[in-house]
Amino acid sequence: MKSPPKRLTDSGNLYSIEMVERITRVSKDRILVYQRHGIISAISPRGKPRFDDEAVHKLRRISRLLSEYGVNEKGAVVLSSLLDEVERLREEIRFLRR
């Protein structure tokens, strides 16, 4: 049985916190808070956190929920997790229909 396809955000890229800050317009402090709370994850070679495309995607989504929809931060985090689950389930359905 084949495994489900990789997500579109799985390119294998890793970004420094400075680059993520520029890409997402989320402050370094906020990025680190989200990391500490397990909302995003980082790889830390030699103590320098590196973030993948999934973390960037999640930060962009949270930022968009905050700015465009007026959702508070806790609500944005919950909604982002729910939207991730919806995406995962859609991918699973597409895979099972093959």
PDB file of N, CA and C in Angstrom:
ATOM      1  N   MET A   1       0.840  -1.175   0.000  1.00  0.00           N
ATOM      2  CA  MET A   1       0.000   0.000   0.000  1.00  0.00           C
ATOM      3  C   MET A   1       0.890   1.246   0.000  1.00  0.00           C
ATOM      4  N   LYS A   2       0.606   2.183  -0.862  1.00  0.00           N
ATOM      5  CA  LYS A   2       1.378   3.424  -0.933  1.00  0.00           C
ATOM      6  C   LYS A   2       1.047   4.318   0.250  1.00  0.00           C
ATOM      7  N   SER A   3       2.017   5.140   0.613  1.00  0.00           N
ATOM      8  CA  SER A   3       1.760   6.112   1.675  1.00  0.00           C
ATOM      9  C   SER A   3       1.179   7.374   1.058  1.00  0.00           C
ATOM     10  N   PRO A   4       0.449   8.158   1.868  1.00  0.00           N
ATOM     11  CA  PRO A   4      -0.136   9.392   1.331  1.00  0.00           C
ATOM     12  C   PRO A   4       0.947  10.328   0.808  1.00  0.00           C
ATOM     13  N   PRO A   5       0.620  11.160  -0.157  1.00  0.00           N
ATOM     14  CA  PRO A   5       1.614  12.086  -0.715  1.00  0.00           C
ATOM     15  C   PRO A   5       2.062  13.101   0.324  1.00  0.00           C
ATOM     16  N   LYS A   6       3.262  13.637   0.122  1.00  0.00           N
ATOM     17  CA  LYS A   6       3.758  14.679   1.006  1.00  0.00           C
ATOM     18  C   LYS A   6       2.902  15.922   0.833  1.00  0.00           C
ATOM     19  N   ARG A   7       2.809  16.692   1.904  1.00  0.00           N
ATOM     20  CA  ARG A   7       2.075  17.955   1.821  1.00  0.00           C
ATOM     21  C   ARG A   7       2.801  18.913   0.891  1.00  0.00           C
ATOM     22  N   LEU A   8       2.071  19.835   0.336  1.00  0.00           N
ATOM     23  CA  LEU A   8       2.665  20.819  -0.548  1.00  0.00           C
ATOM     24  C   LEU A   8       3.723  21.656   0.167  1.00  0.00           C
ATOM     25  N   THR A   9       3.624  21.765   1.483  1.00  0.00           N
ATOM     26  CA  THR A   9       4.569  22.584   2.234  1.00  0.00           C
ATOM     27  C   THR A   9       5.845  21.822   2.582  1.00  0.00           C
ATOM     28  N   ASP A  10       5.968  20.557   2.210  1.00  0.00           N
ATOM     29  CA  ASP A  10       7.132  19.741   2.554  1.00  0.00           C
ATOM     30  C   ASP A  10       8.202  19.812   1.474  1.00  0.00           C
ATOM     31  N   SER A  11       8.897  20.922   1.368  1.00  0.00           N
ATOM     32  CA  SER A  11       9.915  21.060   0.334  1.00  0.00           C
ATOM     33  C   SER A  11      11.298  20.686   0.829  1.00  0.00           C
ATOM     34  N   GLY A  12      11.453  20.544   2.150  1.00  0.00           N
ATOM     35  CA  GLY A  12      12.763  20.238   2.698  1.00  0.00           C
ATOM     36  C   GLY A  12      13.568  21.475   3.046  1.00  0.00           C
ATOM     37  N   ASN A  13      13.028  22.663   2.811  1.00  0.00           N
ATOM     38  CA  ASN A  13      13.734  23.903   3.142  1.00  0.00           C
ATOM     39  C   ASN A  13      13.747  24.128   4.646  1.00  0.00           C
ATOM     40  N   LEU A  14      14.839  24.724   5.126  1.00  0.00           N
ATOM     41  CA  LEU A  14      14.933  25.152   6.522  1.00  0.00           C
ATOM     42  C   LEU A  14      15.325  26.615   6.536  1.00  0.00           C
ATOM     43  N   TYR A  15      14.701  27.374   7.425  1.00  0.00           N
ATOM     44  CA  TYR A  15      14.889  28.817   7.472  1.00  0.00           C
ATOM     45  C   TYR A  15      15.341  29.259   8.853  1.00  0.00           C
ATOM     46  N   SER A  16      16.197  30.262   8.901  1.00  0.00           N
ATOM     47  CA  SER A  16      16.600  30.865  10.171  1.00  0.00           C
ATOM     48  C   SER A  16      15.419  31.647  10.734  1.00  0.00           C
ATOM     49  N   ILE A  17      15.495  31.956  12.012  1.00  0.00           N
ATOM     50  CA  ILE A  17      14.412  32.731  12.636  1.00  0.00           C
ATOM     51  C   ILE A  17      14.296  34.112  11.997  1.00  0.00           C
ATOM     52  N   GLU A  18      15.422  34.679  11.579  1.00  0.00           N
ATOM     53  CA  GLU A  18      15.384  35.989  10.910  1.00  0.00           C
ATOM     54  C   GLU A  18      14.647  35.917   9.575  1.00  0.00           C
ATOM     55  N   MET A  19      14.898  34.855   8.842  1.00  0.00           N
ATOM     56  CA  MET A  19      14.221  34.673   7.555  1.00  0.00           C
ATOM     57  C   MET A  19      12.724  34.436   7.771  1.00  0.00           C
ATOM     58  N   VAL A  20      12.376  33.640   8.763  1.00  0.00           N
ATOM     59  CA  VAL A  20      10.960  33.382   9.060  1.00  0.00           C
ATOM     60  C   VAL A  20      10.273  34.683   9.462  1.00  0.00           C
ATOM     61  N   GLU A  21      10.966  35.500  10.226  1.00  0.00           N
ATOM     62  CA  GLU A  21      10.409  36.797  10.628  1.00  0.00           C
ATOM     63  C   GLU A  21      10.118  37.655   9.390  1.00  0.00           C
ATOM     64  N   ARG A  22      11.044  37.664   8.447  1.00  0.00           N
ATOM     65  CA  ARG A  22      10.840  38.447   7.216  1.00  0.00           C
ATOM     66  C   ARG A  22       9.711  37.877   6.367  1.00  0.00           C
ATOM     67  N   ILE A  23       9.676  36.555   6.238  1.00  0.00           N
ATOM     68  CA  ILE A  23       8.664  35.909   5.388  1.00  0.00           C
ATOM     69  C   ILE A  23       7.258  36.087   5.953  1.00  0.00           C
ATOM     70  N   THR A  24       7.129  35.905   7.271  1.00  0.00           N
ATOM     71  CA  THR A  24       5.798  35.879   7.891  1.00  0.00           C
ATOM     72  C   THR A  24       5.365  37.191   8.525  1.00  0.00           C
ATOM     73  N   ARG A  25       6.333  38.098   8.745  1.00  0.00           N
ATOM     74  CA  ARG A  25       6.073  39.354   9.461  1.00  0.00           C
ATOM     75  C   ARG A  25       5.605  39.112  10.893  1.00  0.00           C
ATOM     76  N   VAL A  26       6.039  37.988  11.459  1.00  0.00           N
ATOM     77  CA  VAL A  26       5.795  37.671  12.866  1.00  0.00           C
ATOM     78  C   VAL A  26       7.115  37.926  13.585  1.00  0.00           C
ATOM     79  N   SER A  27       7.061  38.603  14.718  1.00  0.00           N
ATOM     80  CA  SER A  27       8.292  38.964  15.426  1.00  0.00           C
ATOM     81  C   SER A  27       9.039  37.725  15.931  1.00  0.00           C
ATOM     82  N   LYS A  28      10.348  37.880  16.097  1.00  0.00           N
ATOM     83  CA  LYS A  28      11.170  36.782  16.627  1.00  0.00           C
ATOM     84  C   LYS A  28      10.644  36.327  17.976  1.00  0.00           C
ATOM     85  N   ASP A  29      10.289  37.285  18.822  1.00  0.00           N
ATOM     86  CA  ASP A  29       9.774  36.932  20.153  1.00  0.00           C
ATOM     87  C   ASP A  29       8.522  36.073  20.058  1.00  0.00           C
ATOM     88  N   ARG A  30       7.608  36.449  19.161  1.00  0.00           N
ATOM     89  CA  ARG A  30       6.356  35.692  18.991  1.00  0.00           C
ATOM     90  C   ARG A  30       6.657  34.295  18.444  1.00  0.00           C
ATOM     91  N   ILE A  31       7.566  34.215  17.482  1.00  0.00           N
ATOM     92  CA  ILE A  31       7.953  32.914  16.905  1.00  0.00           C
ATOM     93  C   ILE A  31       8.467  31.999  18.012  1.00  0.00           C
ATOM     94  N   LEU A  32       9.327  32.535  18.872  1.00  0.00           N
ATOM     95  CA  LEU A  32       9.879  31.724  19.959  1.00  0.00           C
ATOM     96  C   LEU A  32       8.809  31.317  20.971  1.00  0.00           C
ATOM     97  N   VAL A  33       7.839  32.191  21.225  1.00  0.00           N
ATOM     98  CA  VAL A  33       6.728  31.832  22.119  1.00  0.00           C
ATOM     99  C   VAL A  33       5.938  30.681  21.514  1.00  0.00           C
ATOM    100  N   TYR A  34       5.615  30.787  20.226  1.00  0.00           N
ATOM    101  CA  TYR A  34       4.876  29.704  19.559  1.00  0.00           C
ATOM    102  C   TYR A  34       5.677  28.404  19.595  1.00  0.00           C
ATOM    103  N   GLN A  35       6.981  28.499  19.444  1.00  0.00           N
ATOM    104  CA  GLN A  35       7.817  27.304  19.502  1.00  0.00           C
ATOM    105  C   GLN A  35       7.793  26.703  20.909  1.00  0.00           C
ATOM    106  N   ARG A  36       7.966  27.542  21.922  1.00  0.00           N
ATOM    107  CA  ARG A  36       7.960  27.059  23.312  1.00  0.00           C
ATOM    108  C   ARG A  36       6.656  26.362  23.667  1.00  0.00           C
ATOM    109  N   HIS A  37       5.548  26.855  23.128  1.00  0.00           N
ATOM    110  CA  HIS A  37       4.239  26.274  23.426  1.00  0.00           C
ATOM    111  C   HIS A  37       3.883  25.104  22.507  1.00  0.00           C
ATOM    112  N   GLY A  38       4.799  24.735  21.628  1.00  0.00           N
ATOM    113  CA  GLY A  38       4.574  23.577  20.763  1.00  0.00           C
ATOM    114  C   GLY A  38       3.663  23.837  19.584  1.00  0.00           C
ATOM    115  N   ILE A  39       3.382  25.090  19.298  1.00  0.00           N
ATOM    116  CA  ILE A  39       2.504  25.431  18.178  1.00  0.00           C
ATOM    117  C   ILE A  39       3.241  25.232  16.859  1.00  0.00           C
ATOM    118  N   ILE A  40       4.520  25.560  16.842  1.00  0.00           N
ATOM    119  CA  ILE A  40       5.393  25.251  15.710  1.00  0.00           C
ATOM    120  C   ILE A  40       6.616  24.535  16.267  1.00  0.00           C
ATOM    121  N   SER A  41       7.297  23.817  15.422  1.00  0.00           N
ATOM    122  CA  SER A  41       8.510  23.130  15.876  1.00  0.00           C
ATOM    123  C   SER A  41       9.698  23.605  15.060  1.00  0.00           C
ATOM    124  N   ALA A  42      10.859  23.424  15.655  1.00  0.00           N
ATOM    125  CA  ALA A  42      12.097  23.846  15.001  1.00  0.00           C
ATOM    126  C   ALA A  42      13.142  22.760  15.170  1.00  0.00           C
ATOM    127  N   ILE A  43      14.062  22.747  14.252  1.00  0.00           N
ATOM    128  CA  ILE A  43      15.240  21.906  14.350  1.00  0.00           C
ATOM    129  C   ILE A  43      16.334  22.837  14.855  1.00  0.00           C
ATOM    130  N   SER A  44      17.109  22.399  15.819  1.00  0.00           N
ATOM    131  CA  SER A  44      18.106  23.298  16.411  1.00  0.00           C
ATOM    132  C   SER A  44      19.529  22.773  16.286  1.00  0.00           C
ATOM    133  N   PRO A  45      20.115  22.853  15.090  1.00  0.00           N
ATOM    134  CA  PRO A  45      21.519  22.462  14.978  1.00  0.00           C
ATOM    135  C   PRO A  45      22.400  23.527  15.624  1.00  0.00           C
ATOM    136  N   ARG A  46      23.277  23.114  16.508  1.00  0.00           N
ATOM    137  CA  ARG A  46      24.197  24.031  17.207  1.00  0.00           C
ATOM    138  C   ARG A  46      23.474  25.182  17.890  1.00  0.00           C
ATOM    139  N   GLY A  47      22.304  24.900  18.437  1.00  0.00           N
ATOM    140  CA  GLY A  47      21.580  25.908  19.201  1.00  0.00           C
ATOM    141  C   GLY A  47      20.845  26.955  18.398  1.00  0.00           C
ATOM    142  N   LYS A  48      20.961  26.931  17.079  1.00  0.00           N
ATOM    143  CA  LYS A  48      20.275  27.907  16.231  1.00  0.00           C
ATOM    144  C   LYS A  48      19.014  27.270  15.657  1.00  0.00           C
ATOM    145  N   PRO A  49      17.843  27.770  16.050  1.00  0.00           N
ATOM    146  CA  PRO A  49      16.623  27.141  15.537  1.00  0.00           C
ATOM    147  C   PRO A  49      16.463  27.353  14.030  1.00  0.00           C
ATOM    148  N   ARG A  50      16.023  26.320  13.363  1.00  0.00           N
ATOM    149  CA  ARG A  50      15.687  26.360  11.934  1.00  0.00           C
ATOM    150  C   ARG A  50      14.256  25.878  11.799  1.00  0.00           C
ATOM    151  N   PHE A  51      13.512  26.555  10.953  1.00  0.00           N
ATOM    152  CA  PHE A  51      12.097  26.269  10.796  1.00  0.00           C
ATOM    153  C   PHE A  51      11.819  25.786   9.386  1.00  0.00           C
ATOM    154  N   ASP A  52      10.914  24.832   9.265  1.00  0.00           N
ATOM    155  CA  ASP A  52      10.588  24.282   7.948  1.00  0.00           C
ATOM    156  C   ASP A  52       9.383  24.999   7.349  1.00  0.00           C
ATOM    157  N   ASP A  53       9.010  24.565   6.155  1.00  0.00           N
ATOM    158  CA  ASP A  53       7.888  25.190   5.446  1.00  0.00           C
ATOM    159  C   ASP A  53       6.580  25.057   6.215  1.00  0.00           C
ATOM    160  N   GLU A  54       6.424  23.963   6.937  1.00  0.00           N
ATOM    161  CA  GLU A  54       5.188  23.772   7.712  1.00  0.00           C
ATOM    162  C   GLU A  54       5.064  24.840   8.800  1.00  0.00           C
ATOM    163  N   ALA A  55       6.166  25.151   9.471  1.00  0.00           N
ATOM    164  CA  ALA A  55       6.139  26.202  10.500  1.00  0.00           C
ATOM    165  C   ALA A  55       5.811  27.550   9.870  1.00  0.00           C
ATOM    166  N   VAL A  56       6.420  27.839   8.728  1.00  0.00           N
ATOM    167  CA  VAL A  56       6.144  29.096   8.024  1.00  0.00           C
ATOM    168  C   VAL A  56       4.672  29.167   7.629  1.00  0.00           C
ATOM    169  N   HIS A  57       4.153  28.080   7.095  1.00  0.00           N
ATOM    170  CA  HIS A  57       2.743  28.012   6.693  1.00  0.00           C
ATOM    171  C   HIS A  57       1.835  28.278   7.898  1.00  0.00           C
ATOM    172  N   LYS A  58       2.139  27.627   9.021  1.00  0.00           N
ATOM    173  CA  LYS A  58       1.309  27.784  10.211  1.00  0.00           C
ATOM    174  C   LYS A  58       1.379  29.227  10.738  1.00  0.00           C
ATOM    175  N   LEU A  59       2.561  29.818  10.749  1.00  0.00           N
ATOM    176  CA  LEU A  59       2.695  31.203  11.208  1.00  0.00           C
ATOM    177  C   LEU A  59       1.932  32.167  10.301  1.00  0.00           C
ATOM    178  N   ARG A  60       2.010  31.945   9.004  1.00  0.00           N
ATOM    179  CA  ARG A  60       1.251  32.794   8.065  1.00  0.00           C
ATOM    180  C   ARG A  60      -0.249  32.673   8.312  1.00  0.00           C
ATOM    181  N   ARG A  61      -0.693  31.447   8.544  1.00  0.00           N
ATOM    182  CA  ARG A  61      -2.117  31.213   8.773  1.00  0.00           C
ATOM    183  C   ARG A  61      -2.558  31.900  10.056  1.00  0.00           C
ATOM    184  N   ILE A  62      -1.805  31.743  11.131  1.00  0.00           N
ATOM    185  CA  ILE A  62      -2.159  32.380  12.400  1.00  0.00           C
ATOM    186  C   ILE A  62      -2.181  33.891  12.231  1.00  0.00           C
ATOM    187  N   SER A  63      -1.182  34.432  11.562  1.00  0.00           N
ATOM    188  CA  SER A  63      -1.113  35.864  11.322  1.00  0.00           C
ATOM    189  C   SER A  63      -2.329  36.352  10.544  1.00  0.00           C
ATOM    190  N   ARG A  64      -2.724  35.591   9.528  1.00  0.00           N
ATOM    191  CA  ARG A  64      -3.888  35.955   8.711  1.00  0.00           C
ATOM    192  C   ARG A  64      -5.171  35.907   9.542  1.00  0.00           C
ATOM    193  N   LEU A  65      -5.314  34.881  10.386  1.00  0.00           N
ATOM    194  CA  LEU A  65      -6.506  34.790  11.235  1.00  0.00           C
ATOM    195  C   LEU A  65      -6.577  35.974  12.203  1.00  0.00           C
ATOM    196  N   LEU A  66      -5.431  36.386  12.707  1.00  0.00           N
ATOM    197  CA  LEU A  66      -5.381  37.525  13.632  1.00  0.00           C
ATOM    198  C   LEU A  66      -5.736  38.834  12.928  1.00  0.00           C
ATOM    199  N   SER A  67      -5.112  39.067  11.780  1.00  0.00           N
ATOM    200  CA  SER A  67      -5.272  40.373  11.124  1.00  0.00           C
ATOM    201  C   SER A  67      -6.533  40.489  10.278  1.00  0.00           C
ATOM    202  N   GLU A  68      -6.847  39.480   9.498  1.00  0.00           N
ATOM    203  CA  GLU A  68      -7.968  39.582   8.561  1.00  0.00           C
ATOM    204  C   GLU A  68      -9.315  39.231   9.173  1.00  0.00           C
ATOM    205  N   TYR A  69      -9.302  38.340  10.163  1.00  0.00           N
ATOM    206  CA  TYR A  69     -10.573  37.870  10.709  1.00  0.00           C
ATOM    207  C   TYR A  69     -10.821  38.332  12.140  1.00  0.00           C
ATOM    208  N   GLY A  70      -9.859  39.041  12.727  1.00  0.00           N
ATOM    209  CA  GLY A  70     -10.062  39.582  14.062  1.00  0.00           C
ATOM    210  C   GLY A  70     -10.165  38.536  15.155  1.00  0.00           C
ATOM    211  N   VAL A  71      -9.655  37.352  14.897  1.00  0.00           N
ATOM    212  CA  VAL A  71      -9.678  36.282  15.885  1.00  0.00           C
ATOM    213  C   VAL A  71      -8.585  36.577  16.911  1.00  0.00           C
ATOM    214  N   ASN A  72      -8.840  36.291  18.200  1.00  0.00           N
ATOM    215  CA  ASN A  72      -7.784  36.493  19.185  1.00  0.00           C
ATOM    216  C   ASN A  72      -6.725  35.398  19.037  1.00  0.00           C
ATOM    217  N   GLU A  73      -5.610  35.562  19.716  1.00  0.00           N
ATOM    218  CA  GLU A  73      -4.477  34.661  19.500  1.00  0.00           C
ATOM    219  C   GLU A  73      -4.789  33.202  19.843  1.00  0.00           C
ATOM    220  N   LYS A  74      -5.443  32.965  20.963  1.00  0.00           N
ATOM    221  CA  LYS A  74      -5.792  31.588  21.333  1.00  0.00           C
ATOM    222  C   LYS A  74      -6.735  30.978  20.304  1.00  0.00           C
ATOM    223  N   GLY A  75      -7.704  31.767  19.855  1.00  0.00           N
ATOM    224  CA  GLY A  75      -8.629  31.287  18.834  1.00  0.00           C
ATOM    225  C   GLY A  75      -7.928  30.990  17.526  1.00  0.00           C
ATOM    226  N   ALA A  76      -6.960  31.834  17.161  1.00  0.00           N
ATOM    227  CA  ALA A  76      -6.211  31.623  15.913  1.00  0.00           C
ATOM    228  C   ALA A  76      -5.412  30.332  15.970  1.00  0.00           C
ATOM    229  N   VAL A  77      -4.838  30.040  17.128  1.00  0.00           N
ATOM    230  CA  VAL A  77      -4.060  28.808  17.284  1.00  0.00           C
ATOM    231  C   VAL A  77      -4.981  27.589  17.166  1.00  0.00           C
ATOM    232  N   VAL A  78      -6.134  27.644  17.825  1.00  0.00           N
ATOM    233  CA  VAL A  78      -7.093  26.528  17.761  1.00  0.00           C
ATOM    234  C   VAL A  78      -7.598  26.353  16.335  1.00  0.00           C
ATOM    235  N   LEU A  79      -7.996  27.452  15.693  1.00  0.00           N
ATOM    236  CA  LEU A  79      -8.482  27.366  14.317  1.00  0.00           C
ATOM    237  C   LEU A  79      -7.410  26.829  13.379  1.00  0.00           C
ATOM    238  N   SER A  80      -6.179  27.242  13.571  1.00  0.00           N
ATOM    239  CA  SER A  80      -5.090  26.759  12.726  1.00  0.00           C
ATOM    240  C   SER A  80      -4.929  25.245  12.871  1.00  0.00           C
ATOM    241  N   SER A  81      -4.999  24.757  14.089  1.00  0.00           N
ATOM    242  CA  SER A  81      -4.897  23.306  14.310  1.00  0.00           C
ATOM    243  C   SER A  81      -6.053  22.569  13.650  1.00  0.00           C
ATOM    244  N   LEU A  82      -7.246  23.124  13.768  1.00  0.00           N
ATOM    245  CA  LEU A  82      -8.408  22.497  13.128  1.00  0.00           C
ATOM    246  C   LEU A  82      -8.270  22.501  11.601  1.00  0.00           C
ATOM    247  N   LEU A  83      -7.785  23.594  11.040  1.00  0.00           N
ATOM    248  CA  LEU A  83      -7.586  23.655   9.589  1.00  0.00           C
ATOM    249  C   LEU A  83      -6.508  22.672   9.140  1.00  0.00           C
ATOM    250  N   ASP A  84      -5.462  22.486   9.958  1.00  0.00           N
ATOM    251  CA  ASP A  84      -4.449  21.467   9.650  1.00  0.00           C
ATOM    252  C   ASP A  84      -5.079  20.080   9.607  1.00  0.00           C
ATOM    253  N   GLU A  85      -5.947  19.810  10.566  1.00  0.00           N
ATOM    254  CA  GLU A  85      -6.611  18.507  10.617  1.00  0.00           C
ATOM    255  C   GLU A  85      -7.530  18.312   9.408  1.00  0.00           C
ATOM    256  N   VAL A  86      -8.237  19.349   9.004  1.00  0.00           N
ATOM    257  CA  VAL A  86      -9.094  19.271   7.817  1.00  0.00           C
ATOM    258  C   VAL A  86      -8.245  18.959   6.581  1.00  0.00           C
ATOM    259  N   GLU A  87      -7.101  19.637   6.436  1.00  0.00           N
ATOM    260  CA  GLU A  87      -6.201  19.369   5.307  1.00  0.00           C
ATOM    261  C   GLU A  87      -5.718  17.918   5.322  1.00  0.00           C
ATOM    262  N   ARG A  88      -5.320  17.455   6.511  1.00  0.00           N
ATOM    263  CA  ARG A  88      -4.839  16.073   6.636  1.00  0.00           C
ATOM    264  C   ARG A  88      -5.924  15.074   6.247  1.00  0.00           C
ATOM    265  N   LEU A  89      -7.141  15.314   6.698  1.00  0.00           N
ATOM    266  CA  LEU A  89      -8.249  14.413   6.375  1.00  0.00           C
ATOM    267  C   LEU A  89      -8.583  14.452   4.883  1.00  0.00           C
ATOM    268  N   ARG A  90      -8.515  15.617   4.269  1.00  0.00           N
ATOM    269  CA  ARG A  90      -8.753  15.706   2.818  1.00  0.00           C
ATOM    270  C   ARG A  90      -7.705  14.916   2.040  1.00  0.00           C
ATOM    271  N   GLU A  91      -6.437  15.037   2.478  1.00  0.00           N
ATOM    272  CA  GLU A  91      -5.370  14.275   1.820  1.00  0.00           C
ATOM    273  C   GLU A  91      -5.610  12.775   1.966  1.00  0.00           C
ATOM    274  N   GLU A  92      -6.035  12.370   3.144  1.00  0.00           N
ATOM    275  CA  GLU A  92      -6.312  10.958   3.387  1.00  0.00           C
ATOM    276  C   GLU A  92      -7.470  10.468   2.512  1.00  0.00           C
ATOM    277  N   ILE A  93      -8.505  11.264   2.375  1.00  0.00           N
ATOM    278  CA  ILE A  93      -9.646  10.895   1.527  1.00  0.00           C
ATOM    279  C   ILE A  93      -9.199  10.765   0.077  1.00  0.00           C
ATOM    280  N   ARG A  94      -8.401  11.751  -0.412  1.00  0.00           N
ATOM    281  CA  ARG A  94      -7.895  11.672  -1.790  1.00  0.00           C
ATOM    282  C   ARG A  94      -7.073  10.398  -1.986  1.00  0.00           C
ATOM    283  N   PHE A  95      -6.254  10.077  -1.018  1.00  0.00           N
ATOM    284  CA  PHE A  95      -5.415   8.887  -1.098  1.00  0.00           C
ATOM    285  C   PHE A  95      -6.272   7.619  -1.129  1.00  0.00           C
ATOM    286  N   LEU A  96      -7.293   7.563  -0.293  1.00  0.00           N
ATOM    287  CA  LEU A  96      -8.140   6.374  -0.208  1.00  0.00           C
ATOM    288  C   LEU A  96      -9.027   6.190  -1.456  1.00  0.00           C
ATOM    289  N   ARG A  97      -9.307   7.266  -2.142  1.00  0.00           N
ATOM    290  CA  ARG A  97     -10.150   7.186  -3.346  1.00  0.00           C
ATOM    291  C   ARG A  97      -9.388   6.656  -4.560  1.00  0.00           C
ATOM    292  N   ARG A  98      -8.073   6.611  -4.477  1.00  0.00           N
ATOM    293  CA  ARG A  98      -7.273   6.135  -5.610  1.00  0.00           C
ATOM    294  C   ARG A  98      -7.421   4.665  -5.822  1.00  0.00           C
TER     295      ARG A  98
END
